[in-house]
Protein backbone atom coordinates (compact mmCIF):
# COMPACT_ATOMS: atom_id res chain seq x y z
CA MET A 1 -196.41 -147.05 -171.25
CA ALA A 2 -193.05 -145.02 -171.11
CA LYS A 3 -192.96 -144.74 -174.79
CA GLU A 4 -196.30 -142.66 -174.68
CA ARG A 5 -195.10 -140.51 -171.89
CA LEU A 6 -191.99 -139.66 -173.88
CA LYS A 7 -193.93 -139.19 -177.12
CA GLU A 8 -196.41 -136.45 -174.89
CA LYS A 9 -193.22 -135.10 -173.64
CA ILE A 10 -191.92 -134.49 -176.98
CA ALA A 11 -195.25 -132.84 -178.18
CA ASN A 12 -195.22 -130.42 -175.13
CA LEU A 13 -191.46 -129.40 -176.07
CA ARG A 14 -192.24 -128.90 -179.37
CA ASN A 15 -195.14 -126.49 -178.29
CA VAL A 16 -192.85 -124.84 -175.89
CA GLN A 17 -190.02 -124.46 -178.51
CA THR A 18 -192.69 -122.72 -180.85
CA HIS A 19 -193.61 -120.11 -178.16
CA LEU A 20 -189.82 -119.52 -177.67
CA TRP A 21 -189.41 -119.08 -181.19
CA THR A 22 -192.06 -116.61 -181.54
CA ALA A 23 -190.91 -114.42 -178.62
CA MET A 24 -187.64 -114.42 -180.12
CA LEU A 25 -189.02 -113.07 -183.51
CA VAL A 26 -191.22 -110.54 -181.97
CA THR A 27 -188.00 -109.26 -179.32
CA ILE A 28 -185.57 -109.12 -181.86
CA SER A 29 -188.03 -107.43 -184.63
CA GLY A 30 -188.90 -104.82 -181.89
CA SER A 31 -185.48 -104.19 -181.06
CA LEU A 32 -184.36 -103.47 -184.53
CA THR A 33 -186.87 -101.09 -184.98
CA LEU A 34 -185.90 -99.22 -181.91
CA LEU A 35 -182.21 -99.24 -183.35
CA GLN A 36 -183.45 -96.98 -186.12
CA SER A 37 -184.52 -94.57 -183.95
CA PHE A 38 -181.56 -94.65 -181.36
CA ASP A 39 -182.07 -91.03 -180.19
CA THR A 40 -183.71 -91.12 -176.88
CA ILE A 41 -182.66 -92.67 -173.56
CA LEU A 42 -185.41 -94.87 -173.43
CA ASN A 43 -185.04 -96.16 -176.76
CA LYS A 44 -181.32 -96.82 -176.01
CA ILE A 45 -182.66 -98.93 -172.74
CA LEU A 46 -185.08 -100.84 -174.41
CA CYS A 47 -183.14 -101.88 -177.49
CA ILE A 48 -180.29 -102.64 -175.22
CA ALA A 49 -183.09 -104.83 -173.09
CA GLY A 50 -184.65 -106.42 -176.22
CA PHE A 51 -181.21 -107.64 -177.37
CA LEU A 52 -180.32 -109.37 -174.04
CA LEU A 53 -183.87 -110.86 -173.85
CA PHE A 54 -183.42 -112.14 -177.33
CA PHE A 55 -180.19 -113.87 -176.16
CA PHE A 56 -181.74 -115.40 -172.85
CA LEU A 57 -184.93 -116.83 -175.15
CA LEU A 58 -182.07 -118.00 -177.64
CA ASP A 59 -180.14 -119.93 -174.92
CA ALA A 60 -183.60 -121.31 -173.62
CA TYR A 61 -184.68 -122.52 -177.26
CA LEU A 62 -181.19 -124.29 -177.74
CA SER A 63 -181.52 -125.90 -174.34
CA LYS A 64 -184.94 -127.18 -175.20
CA ASN A 65 -183.54 -128.32 -178.57
CA LYS A 66 -180.84 -130.30 -177.02
CA TYR A 67 -183.24 -132.13 -174.76
CA LEU A 68 -185.86 -132.73 -177.00
CA LYS A 69 -183.14 -134.50 -179.45
CA GLU A 70 -182.18 -136.41 -176.52
CA LEU A 71 -185.90 -137.90 -176.13
CA ILE A 72 -186.35 -138.57 -179.70
CA GLN A 73 -183.09 -141.02 -179.36
CA LYS A 74 -184.60 -142.43 -176.32
CA VAL A 75 -187.99 -143.03 -178.24
CA GLU A 76 -185.83 -144.42 -181.38
CA ASP A 77 -183.68 -146.78 -179.08
CA SER A 78 -186.68 -148.36 -177.24
């Protein structure tokens, strides 16, 4: 029973990672697009906010990845 719960958690974490990855790609591509037209103050603010959001999402993705590896190891050990 516990093994099935771990497998379900793994599936849910993979889904979350997919959403985080997509959000990271959209955020960094938008920020790089704003970087090309860096002439107005609004573009500068949005570009910097986009880069900060990208690094926040990257940190969340990597922490989920670490937790996912731990769960996979638990499933393999049991």
